[in-house]
PDB file of all heavy atoms in Angstrom:
ATOM      1  N   PRO A   1       0.839  -1.205   0.000  1.00  0.00           N
ATOM      2  CA  PRO A   1       0.000   0.000   0.000  1.00  0.00           C
ATOM      3  C   PRO A   1       0.872   1.253   0.000  1.00  0.00           C
ATOM      4  O   PRO A   1       1.794   1.394   0.811  1.00  0.00           O
ATOM      5  CB  PRO A   1      -0.798  -0.129   1.301  1.00  0.00           C
ATOM      6  CG  PRO A   1      -0.763  -1.587   1.631  1.00  0.00           C
ATOM      7  CD  PRO A   1       0.566  -2.079   1.150  1.00  0.00           C
ATOM      8  N   ALA A   2       0.582   2.164  -0.920  1.00  0.00           N
ATOM      9  CA  ALA A   2       1.418   3.350  -1.084  1.00  0.00           C
ATOM     10  C   ALA A   2       0.585   4.516  -1.581  1.00  0.00           C
ATOM     11  O   ALA A   2      -0.434   4.328  -2.261  1.00  0.00           O
ATOM     12  CB  ALA A   2       2.562   3.070  -2.059  1.00  0.00           C
ATOM     13  N   ARG A   3       1.055   5.731  -1.235  1.00  0.00           N
ATOM     14  CA  ARG A   3       0.375   6.958  -1.664  1.00  0.00           C
ATOM     15  C   ARG A   3       1.433   8.012  -1.969  1.00  0.00           C
ATOM     16  O   ARG A   3       2.440   8.107  -1.264  1.00  0.00           O
ATOM     17  CB  ARG A   3      -0.546   7.496  -0.558  1.00  0.00           C
ATOM     18  CG  ARG A   3      -1.438   6.455   0.064  1.00  0.00           C
ATOM     19  CD  ARG A   3      -2.428   7.006   1.061  1.00  0.00           C
ATOM     20  NE  ARG A   3      -1.842   7.523   2.281  1.00  0.00           N
ATOM     21  CZ  ARG A   3      -2.444   7.490   3.478  1.00  0.00           C
ATOM     22  NH1 ARG A   3      -3.654   6.942   3.586  1.00  0.00           N
ATOM     23  NH2 ARG A   3      -1.880   8.001   4.545  1.00  0.00           N
ATOM     24  N   ALA A   4       1.208   8.796  -2.999  1.00  0.00           N
ATOM     25  CA  ALA A   4       1.982  10.010  -3.217  1.00  0.00           C
ATOM     26  C   ALA A   4       1.280  11.139  -2.478  1.00  0.00           C
ATOM     27  O   ALA A   4       0.052  11.210  -2.470  1.00  0.00           O
ATOM     28  CB  ALA A   4       2.086  10.322  -4.710  1.00  0.00           C
ATOM     29  N   ARG A   5       2.062  12.017  -1.837  1.00  0.00           N
ATOM     30  CA  ARG A   5       1.482  13.117  -1.076  1.00  0.00           C
ATOM     31  C   ARG A   5       2.070  14.443  -1.549  1.00  0.00           C
ATOM     32  O   ARG A   5       3.283  14.577  -1.752  1.00  0.00           O
ATOM     33  CB  ARG A   5       1.754  12.958   0.429  1.00  0.00           C
ATOM     34  CG  ARG A   5       1.247  11.668   1.048  1.00  0.00           C
ATOM     35  CD  ARG A   5      -0.243  11.430   0.895  1.00  0.00           C
ATOM     36  NE  ARG A   5      -1.072  12.470   1.450  1.00  0.00           N
ATOM     37  CZ  ARG A   5      -1.602  12.438   2.680  1.00  0.00           C
ATOM     38  NH1 ARG A   5      -1.337  11.409   3.478  1.00  0.00           N
ATOM     39  NH2 ARG A   5      -2.391  13.416   3.099  1.00  0.00           N
ATOM     40  N   CYS A   6       1.193  15.425  -1.686  1.00  0.00           N
ATOM     41  CA  CYS A   6       1.566  16.764  -2.136  1.00  0.00           C
ATOM     42  C   CYS A   6       1.497  17.728  -0.965  1.00  0.00           C
ATOM     43  O   CYS A   6       0.489  17.771  -0.251  1.00  0.00           O
ATOM     44  CB  CYS A   6       0.623  17.216  -3.250  1.00  0.00           C
ATOM     45  SG  CYS A   6       0.928  18.899  -3.831  1.00  0.00           S
ATOM     46  N   GLY A   7       2.554  18.492  -0.762  1.00  0.00           N
ATOM     47  CA  GLY A   7       2.562  19.439   0.347  1.00  0.00           C
ATOM     48  C   GLY A   7       3.812  20.276   0.373  1.00  0.00           C
ATOM     49  O   GLY A   7       4.224  20.823  -0.656  1.00  0.00           O
ATOM     50  N   PHE A   8       4.464  20.295   1.534  1.00  0.00           N
ATOM     51  CA  PHE A   8       5.602  21.202   1.730  1.00  0.00           C
ATOM     52  C   PHE A   8       6.656  20.547   2.621  1.00  0.00           C
ATOM     53  O   PHE A   8       6.348  20.034   3.707  1.00  0.00           O
ATOM     54  CB  PHE A   8       5.130  22.504   2.395  1.00  0.00           C
ATOM     55  CG  PHE A   8       4.091  23.240   1.596  1.00  0.00           C
ATOM     56  CD1 PHE A   8       2.731  22.988   1.803  1.00  0.00           C
ATOM     57  CD2 PHE A   8       4.462  24.160   0.616  1.00  0.00           C
ATOM     58  CE1 PHE A   8       1.765  23.650   1.057  1.00  0.00           C
ATOM     59  CE2 PHE A   8       3.494  24.814  -0.129  1.00  0.00           C
ATOM     60  CZ  PHE A   8       2.147  24.574   0.082  1.00  0.00           C
ATOM     61  N   GLY A   9       7.908  20.586   2.152  1.00  0.00           N
ATOM     62  CA  GLY A   9       9.026  20.164   2.973  1.00  0.00           C
ATOM     63  C   GLY A   9       9.430  21.291   3.909  1.00  0.00           C
ATOM     64  O   GLY A   9       9.611  22.434   3.469  1.00  0.00           O
ATOM     65  N   MET A  10       9.576  20.955   5.181  1.00  0.00           N
ATOM     66  CA  MET A  10       9.894  21.966   6.190  1.00  0.00           C
ATOM     67  C   MET A  10      11.378  21.973   6.552  1.00  0.00           C
ATOM     68  O   MET A  10      11.785  22.694   7.470  1.00  0.00           O
ATOM     69  CB  MET A  10       9.053  21.712   7.448  1.00  0.00           C
ATOM     70  CG  MET A  10       7.552  21.652   7.197  1.00  0.00           C
ATOM     71  SD  MET A  10       6.888  23.154   6.425  1.00  0.00           S
ATOM     72  CE  MET A  10       7.189  24.361   7.716  1.00  0.00           C
ATOM     73  N   TYR A  11      12.186  21.187   5.837  1.00  0.00           N
ATOM     74  CA  TYR A  11      13.584  21.002   6.207  1.00  0.00           C
ATOM     75  C   TYR A  11      14.576  21.537   5.180  1.00  0.00           C
ATOM     76  O   TYR A  11      15.786  21.404   5.362  1.00  0.00           O
ATOM     77  CB  TYR A  11      13.874  19.520   6.471  1.00  0.00           C
ATOM     78  CG  TYR A  11      13.219  18.567   5.486  1.00  0.00           C
ATOM     79  CD1 TYR A  11      13.782  18.290   4.246  1.00  0.00           C
ATOM     80  CD2 TYR A  11      12.016  17.950   5.810  1.00  0.00           C
ATOM     81  CE1 TYR A  11      13.175  17.423   3.372  1.00  0.00           C
ATOM     82  CE2 TYR A  11      11.395  17.075   4.946  1.00  0.00           C
ATOM     83  CZ  TYR A  11      11.979  16.806   3.715  1.00  0.00           C
ATOM     84  OH  TYR A  11      11.364  15.943   2.842  1.00  0.00           O
ATOM     85  N   PHE A  12      14.101  22.128   4.127  1.00  0.00           N
ATOM     86  CA  PHE A  12      15.015  22.640   3.108  1.00  0.00           C
ATOM     87  C   PHE A  12      15.598  24.003   3.485  1.00  0.00           C
ATOM     88  O   PHE A  12      16.765  24.285   3.238  1.00  0.00           O
ATOM     89  CB  PHE A  12      14.308  22.747   1.753  1.00  0.00           C
ATOM     90  CG  PHE A  12      13.817  21.430   1.233  1.00  0.00           C
ATOM     91  CD1 PHE A  12      12.455  21.190   1.089  1.00  0.00           C
ATOM     92  CD2 PHE A  12      14.697  20.428   0.880  1.00  0.00           C
ATOM     93  CE1 PHE A  12      11.994  19.979   0.607  1.00  0.00           C
ATOM     94  CE2 PHE A  12      14.254  19.213   0.399  1.00  0.00           C
ATOM     95  CZ  PHE A  12      12.892  18.988   0.268  1.00  0.00           C
ATOM     96  N   GLU A  13      14.769  24.844   4.056  1.00  0.00           N
ATOM     97  CA  GLU A  13      15.188  26.189   4.445  1.00  0.00           C
ATOM     98  C   GLU A  13      14.470  26.545   5.750  1.00  0.00           C
ATOM     99  O   GLU A  13      13.232  26.529   5.804  1.00  0.00           O
ATOM    100  CB  GLU A  13      14.841  27.196   3.353  1.00  0.00           C
ATOM    101  CG  GLU A  13      15.397  28.575   3.586  1.00  0.00           C
ATOM    102  CD  GLU A  13      15.202  29.500   2.403  1.00  0.00           C
ATOM    103  OE1 GLU A  13      14.853  29.017   1.301  1.00  0.00           O
ATOM    104  OE2 GLU A  13      15.392  30.715   2.583  1.00  0.00           O
ATOM    105  N   GLU A  14      15.230  26.851   6.769  1.00  0.00           N
ATOM    106  CA  GLU A  14      14.659  27.065   8.092  1.00  0.00           C
ATOM    107  C   GLU A  14      13.588  28.146   8.072  1.00  0.00           C
ATOM    108  O   GLU A  14      13.788  29.238   7.535  1.00  0.00           O
ATOM    109  CB  GLU A  14      15.753  27.456   9.090  1.00  0.00           C
ATOM    110  CG  GLU A  14      15.257  27.542  10.524  1.00  0.00           C
ATOM    111  CD  GLU A  14      16.365  27.797  11.520  1.00  0.00           C
ATOM    112  OE1 GLU A  14      17.542  27.848  11.102  1.00  0.00           O
ATOM    113  OE2 GLU A  14      16.058  27.925  12.719  1.00  0.00           O
ATOM    114  N   GLY A  15      12.444  27.821   8.636  1.00  0.00           N
ATOM    115  CA  GLY A  15      11.356  28.779   8.737  1.00  0.00           C
ATOM    116  C   GLY A  15      10.457  28.838   7.527  1.00  0.00           C
ATOM    117  O   GLY A  15       9.507  29.636   7.504  1.00  0.00           O
ATOM    118  N   TYR A  16      10.711  27.993   6.523  1.00  0.00           N
ATOM    119  CA  TYR A  16       9.920  28.031   5.289  1.00  0.00           C
ATOM    120  C   TYR A  16       9.392  26.637   4.951  1.00  0.00           C
ATOM    121  O   TYR A  16      10.042  25.627   5.225  1.00  0.00           O
ATOM    122  CB  TYR A  16      10.766  28.536   4.116  1.00  0.00           C
ATOM    123  CG  TYR A  16      11.087  29.995   4.212  1.00  0.00           C
ATOM    124  CD1 TYR A  16      12.199  30.440   4.925  1.00  0.00           C
ATOM    125  CD2 TYR A  16      10.267  30.954   3.611  1.00  0.00           C
ATOM    126  CE1 TYR A  16      12.490  31.785   5.034  1.00  0.00           C
ATOM    127  CE2 TYR A  16      10.556  32.313   3.701  1.00  0.00           C
ATOM    128  CZ  TYR A  16      11.666  32.718   4.416  1.00  0.00           C
ATOM    129  OH  TYR A  16      11.958  34.053   4.521  1.00  0.00           O
ATOM    130  N   GLY A  17       8.219  26.613   4.330  1.00  0.00           N
ATOM    131  CA  GLY A  17       7.655  25.394   3.782  1.00  0.00           C
ATOM    132  C   GLY A  17       7.758  25.450   2.272  1.00  0.00           C
ATOM    133  O   GLY A  17       7.145  26.322   1.638  1.00  0.00           O
ATOM    134  N   LEU A  18       8.540  24.541   1.684  1.00  0.00           N
ATOM    135  CA  LEU A  18       8.784  24.570   0.245  1.00  0.00           C
ATOM    136  C   LEU A  18       8.012  23.449  -0.455  1.00  0.00           C
ATOM    137  O   LEU A  18       8.024  22.291  -0.013  1.00  0.00           O
ATOM    138  CB  LEU A  18      10.276  24.447  -0.052  1.00  0.00           C
ATOM    139  CG  LEU A  18      11.166  25.547   0.551  1.00  0.00           C
ATOM    140  CD1 LEU A  18      12.597  25.408   0.056  1.00  0.00           C
ATOM    141  CD2 LEU A  18      10.623  26.943   0.245  1.00  0.00           C
ATOM    142  N   ASP A  19       7.360  23.831  -1.526  1.00  0.00           N
ATOM    143  CA  ASP A  19       6.543  22.923  -2.327  1.00  0.00           C
ATOM    144  C   ASP A  19       7.281  21.614  -2.577  1.00  0.00           C
ATOM    145  O   ASP A  19       8.424  21.615  -3.050  1.00  0.00           O
ATOM    146  CB  ASP A  19       6.220  23.617  -3.658  1.00  0.00           C
ATOM    147  CG  ASP A  19       5.403  22.753  -4.578  1.00  0.00           C
ATOM    148  OD1 ASP A  19       4.175  22.734  -4.432  1.00  0.00           O
ATOM    149  OD2 ASP A  19       6.001  22.109  -5.475  1.00  0.00           O
ATOM    150  N   HIS A  20       6.622  20.482  -2.285  1.00  0.00           N
ATOM    151  CA  HIS A  20       7.317  19.205  -2.409  1.00  0.00           C
ATOM    152  C   HIS A  20       6.312  18.058  -2.425  1.00  0.00           C
ATOM    153  O   HIS A  20       5.170  18.206  -1.982  1.00  0.00           O
ATOM    154  CB  HIS A  20       8.286  19.031  -1.236  1.00  0.00           C
ATOM    155  CG  HIS A  20       9.315  17.967  -1.449  1.00  0.00           C
ATOM    156  ND1 HIS A  20      10.001  17.812  -2.632  1.00  0.00           N
ATOM    157  CD2 HIS A  20       9.789  16.985  -0.609  1.00  0.00           C
ATOM    158  CE1 HIS A  20      10.856  16.809  -2.525  1.00  0.00           C
ATOM    159  NE2 HIS A  20      10.731  16.286  -1.317  1.00  0.00           N
ATOM    160  N   TRP A  21       6.742  16.923  -2.986  1.00  0.00           N
ATOM    161  CA  TRP A  21       5.970  15.678  -2.969  1.00  0.00           C
ATOM    162  C   TRP A  21       6.823  14.585  -2.329  1.00  0.00           C
ATOM    163  O   TRP A  21       8.043  14.545  -2.528  1.00  0.00           O
ATOM    164  CB  TRP A  21       5.612  15.222  -4.380  1.00  0.00           C
ATOM    165  CG  TRP A  21       4.574  16.024  -5.089  1.00  0.00           C
ATOM    166  CD1 TRP A  21       4.649  17.330  -5.484  1.00  0.00           C
ATOM    167  CD2 TRP A  21       3.300  15.553  -5.541  1.00  0.00           C
ATOM    168  NE1 TRP A  21       3.508  17.698  -6.145  1.00  0.00           N
ATOM    169  CE2 TRP A  21       2.665  16.634  -6.194  1.00  0.00           C
ATOM    170  CE3 TRP A  21       2.638  14.332  -5.457  1.00  0.00           C
ATOM    171  CZ2 TRP A  21       1.395  16.520  -6.762  1.00  0.00           C
ATOM    172  CZ3 TRP A  21       1.376  14.205  -6.025  1.00  0.00           C
ATOM    173  CH2 TRP A  21       0.766  15.305  -6.669  1.00  0.00           C
ATOM    174  N   ILE A  22       6.189  13.704  -1.592  1.00  0.00           N
ATOM    175  CA  ILE A  22       6.852  12.547  -1.007  1.00  0.00           C
ATOM    176  C   ILE A  22       6.015  11.291  -1.273  1.00  0.00           C
ATOM    177  O   ILE A  22       4.913  11.366  -1.821  1.00  0.00           O
ATOM    178  CB  ILE A  22       7.057  12.715   0.514  1.00  0.00           C
ATOM    179  CG1 ILE A  22       5.693  12.830   1.214  1.00  0.00           C
ATOM    180  CG2 ILE A  22       7.947  13.917   0.826  1.00  0.00           C
ATOM    181  CD1 ILE A  22       5.711  12.499   2.684  1.00  0.00           C
ATOM    182  N   THR A  23       6.557  10.154  -0.842  1.00  0.00           N
ATOM    183  CA  THR A  23       5.860   8.878  -0.941  1.00  0.00           C
ATOM    184  C   THR A  23       5.546   8.369   0.464  1.00  0.00           C
ATOM    185  O   THR A  23       6.359   8.519   1.368  1.00  0.00           O
ATOM    186  CB  THR A  23       6.744   7.833  -1.648  1.00  0.00           C
ATOM    187  OG1 THR A  23       7.267   8.389  -2.853  1.00  0.00           O
ATOM    188  CG2 THR A  23       5.955   6.579  -1.982  1.00  0.00           C
ATOM    189  N   GLU A  24       4.376   7.776   0.628  1.00  0.00           N
ATOM    190  CA  GLU A  24       4.025   7.072   1.856  1.00  0.00           C
ATOM    191  C   GLU A  24       3.820   5.596   1.545  1.00  0.00           C
ATOM    192  O   GLU A  24       3.274   5.249   0.502  1.00  0.00           O
ATOM    193  CB  GLU A  24       2.714   7.603   2.457  1.00  0.00           C
ATOM    194  CG  GLU A  24       2.802   8.967   3.084  1.00  0.00           C
ATOM    195  CD  GLU A  24       1.487   9.391   3.723  1.00  0.00           C
ATOM    196  OE1 GLU A  24       0.420   8.880   3.324  1.00  0.00           O
ATOM    197  OE2 GLU A  24       1.526  10.246   4.617  1.00  0.00           O
ATOM    198  N   TYR A  25       4.255   4.723   2.472  1.00  0.00           N
ATOM    199  CA  TYR A  25       3.901   3.315   2.357  1.00  0.00           C
ATOM    200  C   TYR A  25       3.411   2.823   3.717  1.00  0.00           C
ATOM    201  O   TYR A  25       3.750   3.385   4.761  1.00  0.00           O
ATOM    202  CB  TYR A  25       5.082   2.473   1.866  1.00  0.00           C
ATOM    203  CG  TYR A  25       6.184   2.261   2.883  1.00  0.00           C
ATOM    204  CD1 TYR A  25       6.162   1.166   3.751  1.00  0.00           C
ATOM    205  CD2 TYR A  25       7.255   3.146   2.983  1.00  0.00           C
ATOM    206  CE1 TYR A  25       7.162   0.966   4.693  1.00  0.00           C
ATOM    207  CE2 TYR A  25       8.274   2.957   3.909  1.00  0.00           C
ATOM    208  CZ  TYR A  25       8.223   1.862   4.754  1.00  0.00           C
ATOM    209  OH  TYR A  25       9.216   1.683   5.699  1.00  0.00           O
ATOM    210  N   ARG A  26       2.607   1.793   3.685  1.00  0.00           N
ATOM    211  CA  ARG A  26       2.037   1.247   4.913  1.00  0.00           C
ATOM    212  C   ARG A  26       2.981   0.217   5.509  1.00  0.00           C
ATOM    213  O   ARG A  26       3.333  -0.770   4.860  1.00  0.00           O
ATOM    214  CB  ARG A  26       0.675   0.606   4.630  1.00  0.00           C
ATOM    215  CG  ARG A  26      -0.058   0.151   5.885  1.00  0.00           C
ATOM    216  CD  ARG A  26      -0.579   1.318   6.664  1.00  0.00           C
ATOM    217  NE  ARG A  26      -1.316   0.892   7.853  1.00  0.00           N
ATOM    218  CZ  ARG A  26      -1.853   1.744   8.724  1.00  0.00           C
ATOM    219  NH1 ARG A  26      -1.756   3.053   8.504  1.00  0.00           N
ATOM    220  NH2 ARG A  26      -2.504   1.304   9.777  1.00  0.00           N
ATOM    221  N   HIS A  27       3.405   0.465   6.746  1.00  0.00           N
ATOM    222  CA  HIS A  27       4.261  -0.462   7.472  1.00  0.00           C
ATOM    223  C   HIS A  27       3.364  -1.413   8.257  1.00  0.00           C
ATOM    224  O   HIS A  27       2.786  -1.035   9.285  1.00  0.00           O
ATOM    225  CB  HIS A  27       5.186   0.317   8.409  1.00  0.00           C
ATOM    226  CG  HIS A  27       6.318  -0.489   8.976  1.00  0.00           C
ATOM    227  ND1 HIS A  27       6.121  -1.632   9.717  1.00  0.00           N
ATOM    228  CD2 HIS A  27       7.672  -0.320   8.894  1.00  0.00           C
ATOM    229  CE1 HIS A  27       7.294  -2.132  10.089  1.00  0.00           C
ATOM    230  NE2 HIS A  27       8.254  -1.350   9.601  1.00  0.00           N
ATOM    231  N   ASP A  28       3.260  -2.645   7.787  1.00  0.00           N
ATOM    232  CA  ASP A  28       2.344  -3.595   8.407  1.00  0.00           C
ATOM    233  C   ASP A  28       2.721  -3.883   9.858  1.00  0.00           C
ATOM    234  O   ASP A  28       1.857  -3.917  10.747  1.00  0.00           O
ATOM    235  CB  ASP A  28       2.332  -4.909   7.614  1.00  0.00           C
ATOM    236  CG  ASP A  28       1.538  -4.783   6.319  1.00  0.00           C
ATOM    237  OD1 ASP A  28       0.703  -3.866   6.244  1.00  0.00           O
ATOM    238  OD2 ASP A  28       1.756  -5.594   5.411  1.00  0.00           O
ATOM    239  N   GLY A  29       4.007  -4.071  10.109  1.00  0.00           N
ATOM    240  CA  GLY A  29       4.427  -4.443  11.443  1.00  0.00           C
ATOM    241  C   GLY A  29       4.160  -3.376  12.482  1.00  0.00           C
ATOM    242  O   GLY A  29       3.933  -3.690  13.657  1.00  0.00           O
ATOM    243  N   GLU A  30       4.187  -2.113  12.065  1.00  0.00           N
ATOM    244  CA  GLU A  30       3.985  -1.008  13.007  1.00  0.00           C
ATOM    245  C   GLU A  30       2.627  -0.347  12.843  1.00  0.00           C
ATOM    246  O   GLU A  30       2.319   0.611  13.556  1.00  0.00           O
ATOM    247  CB  GLU A  30       5.108   0.014  12.839  1.00  0.00           C
ATOM    248  CG  GLU A  30       6.485  -0.567  13.129  1.00  0.00           C
ATOM    249  CD  GLU A  30       7.608   0.438  12.937  1.00  0.00           C
ATOM    250  OE1 GLU A  30       7.297   1.628  12.678  1.00  0.00           O
ATOM    251  OE2 GLU A  30       8.784   0.050  13.037  1.00  0.00           O
ATOM    252  N   ASP A  31       1.827  -0.833  11.893  1.00  0.00           N
ATOM    253  CA  ASP A  31       0.469  -0.328  11.675  1.00  0.00           C
ATOM    254  C   ASP A  31       0.457   1.192  11.517  1.00  0.00           C
ATOM    255  O   ASP A  31      -0.302   1.903  12.189  1.00  0.00           O
ATOM    256  CB  ASP A  31      -0.445  -0.748  12.831  1.00  0.00           C
ATOM    257  CG  ASP A  31      -1.920  -0.526  12.504  1.00  0.00           C
ATOM    258  OD1 ASP A  31      -2.267  -0.579  11.310  1.00  0.00           O
ATOM    259  OD2 ASP A  31      -2.706  -0.272  13.428  1.00  0.00           O
ATOM    260  N   ARG A  32       1.297   1.702  10.621  1.00  0.00           N
ATOM    261  CA  ARG A  32       1.350   3.146  10.386  1.00  0.00           C
ATOM    262  C   ARG A  32       1.820   3.403   8.964  1.00  0.00           C
ATOM    263  O   ARG A  32       2.400   2.538   8.299  1.00  0.00           O
ATOM    264  CB  ARG A  32       2.306   3.837  11.367  1.00  0.00           C
ATOM    265  CG  ARG A  32       3.776   3.484  11.173  1.00  0.00           C
ATOM    266  CD  ARG A  32       4.653   4.116  12.244  1.00  0.00           C
ATOM    267  NE  ARG A  32       6.069   3.758  12.073  1.00  0.00           N
ATOM    268  CZ  ARG A  32       6.980   4.561  11.508  1.00  0.00           C
ATOM    269  NH1 ARG A  32       6.628   5.765  11.060  1.00  0.00           N
ATOM    270  NH2 ARG A  32       8.249   4.165  11.393  1.00  0.00           N
ATOM    271  N   TRP A  33       1.567   4.623   8.499  1.00  0.00           N
ATOM    272  CA  TRP A  33       2.070   5.086   7.215  1.00  0.00           C
ATOM    273  C   TRP A  33       3.430   5.747   7.428  1.00  0.00           C
ATOM    274  O   TRP A  33       3.570   6.622   8.277  1.00  0.00           O
ATOM    275  CB  TRP A  33       1.098   6.075   6.577  1.00  0.00           C
ATOM    276  CG  TRP A  33      -0.168   5.430   6.105  1.00  0.00           C
ATOM    277  CD1 TRP A  33      -1.345   5.320   6.791  1.00  0.00           C
ATOM    278  CD2 TRP A  33      -0.373   4.793   4.846  1.00  0.00           C
ATOM    279  NE1 TRP A  33      -2.277   4.654   6.029  1.00  0.00           N
ATOM    280  CE2 TRP A  33      -1.715   4.326   4.824  1.00  0.00           C
ATOM    281  CE3 TRP A  33       0.430   4.581   3.733  1.00  0.00           C
ATOM    282  CZ2 TRP A  33      -2.250   3.655   3.736  1.00  0.00           C
ATOM    283  CZ3 TRP A  33      -0.111   3.914   2.639  1.00  0.00           C
ATOM    284  CH2 TRP A  33      -1.435   3.452   2.647  1.00  0.00           C
ATOM    285  N   VAL A  34       4.408   5.309   6.664  1.00  0.00           N
ATOM    286  CA  VAL A  34       5.767   5.845   6.749  1.00  0.00           C
ATOM    287  C   VAL A  34       5.975   6.809   5.585  1.00  0.00           C
ATOM    288  O   VAL A  34       5.683   6.475   4.431  1.00  0.00           O
ATOM    289  CB  VAL A  34       6.809   4.717   6.687  1.00  0.00           C
ATOM    290  CG1 VAL A  34       8.231   5.288   6.750  1.00  0.00           C
ATOM    291  CG2 VAL A  34       6.581   3.718   7.814  1.00  0.00           C
ATOM    292  N   ARG A  35       6.487   8.001   5.897  1.00  0.00           N
ATOM    293  CA  ARG A  35       6.729   9.013   4.873  1.00  0.00           C
ATOM    294  C   ARG A  35       8.187   8.973   4.431  1.00  0.00           C
ATOM    295  O   ARG A  35       9.093   9.044   5.266  1.00  0.00           O
ATOM    296  CB  ARG A  35       6.358  10.402   5.405  1.00  0.00           C
ATOM    297  CG  ARG A  35       4.864  10.546   5.613  1.00  0.00           C
ATOM    298  CD  ARG A  35       4.441  11.926   6.078  1.00  0.00           C
ATOM    299  NE  ARG A  35       2.985  12.044   6.024  1.00  0.00           N
ATOM    300  CZ  ARG A  35       2.301  13.118   6.378  1.00  0.00           C
ATOM    301  NH1 ARG A  35       2.944  14.205   6.823  1.00  0.00           N
ATOM    302  NH2 ARG A  35       0.978  13.135   6.285  1.00  0.00           N
ATOM    303  N   VAL A  36       8.383   8.880   3.124  1.00  0.00           N
ATOM    304  CA  VAL A  36       9.718   8.781   2.546  1.00  0.00           C
ATOM    305  C   VAL A  36       9.917   9.920   1.554  1.00  0.00           C
ATOM    306  O   VAL A  36       9.103  10.110   0.647  1.00  0.00           O
ATOM    307  CB  VAL A  36       9.906   7.430   1.813  1.00  0.00           C
ATOM    308  CG1 VAL A  36      11.318   7.326   1.238  1.00  0.00           C
ATOM    309  CG2 VAL A  36       9.612   6.263   2.746  1.00  0.00           C
ATOM    310  N   ASP A  37      10.997  10.680   1.728  1.00  0.00           N
ATOM    311  CA  ASP A  37      11.358  11.680   0.726  1.00  0.00           C
ATOM    312  C   ASP A  37      12.158  10.971  -0.351  1.00  0.00           C
ATOM    313  O   ASP A  37      13.389  10.890  -0.301  1.00  0.00           O
ATOM    314  CB  ASP A  37      12.171  12.818   1.352  1.00  0.00           C
ATOM    315  CG  ASP A  37      12.389  13.963   0.366  1.00  0.00           C
ATOM    316  OD1 ASP A  37      12.289  13.731  -0.861  1.00  0.00           O
ATOM    317  OD2 ASP A  37      12.664  15.087   0.808  1.00  0.00           O
ATOM    318  N   THR A  38      11.449  10.429  -1.318  1.00  0.00           N
ATOM    319  CA  THR A  38      12.073   9.597  -2.340  1.00  0.00           C
ATOM    320  C   THR A  38      13.158  10.353  -3.099  1.00  0.00           C
ATOM    321  O   THR A  38      14.241   9.807  -3.353  1.00  0.00           O
ATOM    322  CB  THR A  38      10.993   9.090  -3.319  1.00  0.00           C
ATOM    323  OG1 THR A  38      10.048   8.300  -2.599  1.00  0.00           O
ATOM    324  CG2 THR A  38      11.603   8.260  -4.425  1.00  0.00           C
ATOM    325  N   GLU A  39      12.893  11.593  -3.449  1.00  0.00           N
ATOM    326  CA  GLU A  39      13.871  12.354  -4.223  1.00  0.00           C
ATOM    327  C   GLU A  39      15.173  12.552  -3.462  1.00  0.00           C
ATOM    328  O   GLU A  39      16.252  12.579  -4.064  1.00  0.00           O
ATOM    329  CB  GLU A  39      13.289  13.722  -4.603  1.00  0.00           C
ATOM    330  CG  GLU A  39      14.247  14.570  -5.423  1.00  0.00           C
ATOM    331  CD  GLU A  39      13.730  15.967  -5.709  1.00  0.00           C
ATOM    332  OE1 GLU A  39      12.601  16.285  -5.303  1.00  0.00           O
ATOM    333  OE2 GLU A  39      14.467  16.748  -6.340  1.00  0.00           O
TER     334      GLU A  39
END
């Protein structure tokens, strides 16, 4: 199970949210969605 997510990276420039997309996948063992900055 996976999802692409559209939003903002908060770690590129301090104090700013920069337009970005990441990938989420479902971690079965931990029963949660894990966010991965694929790029």
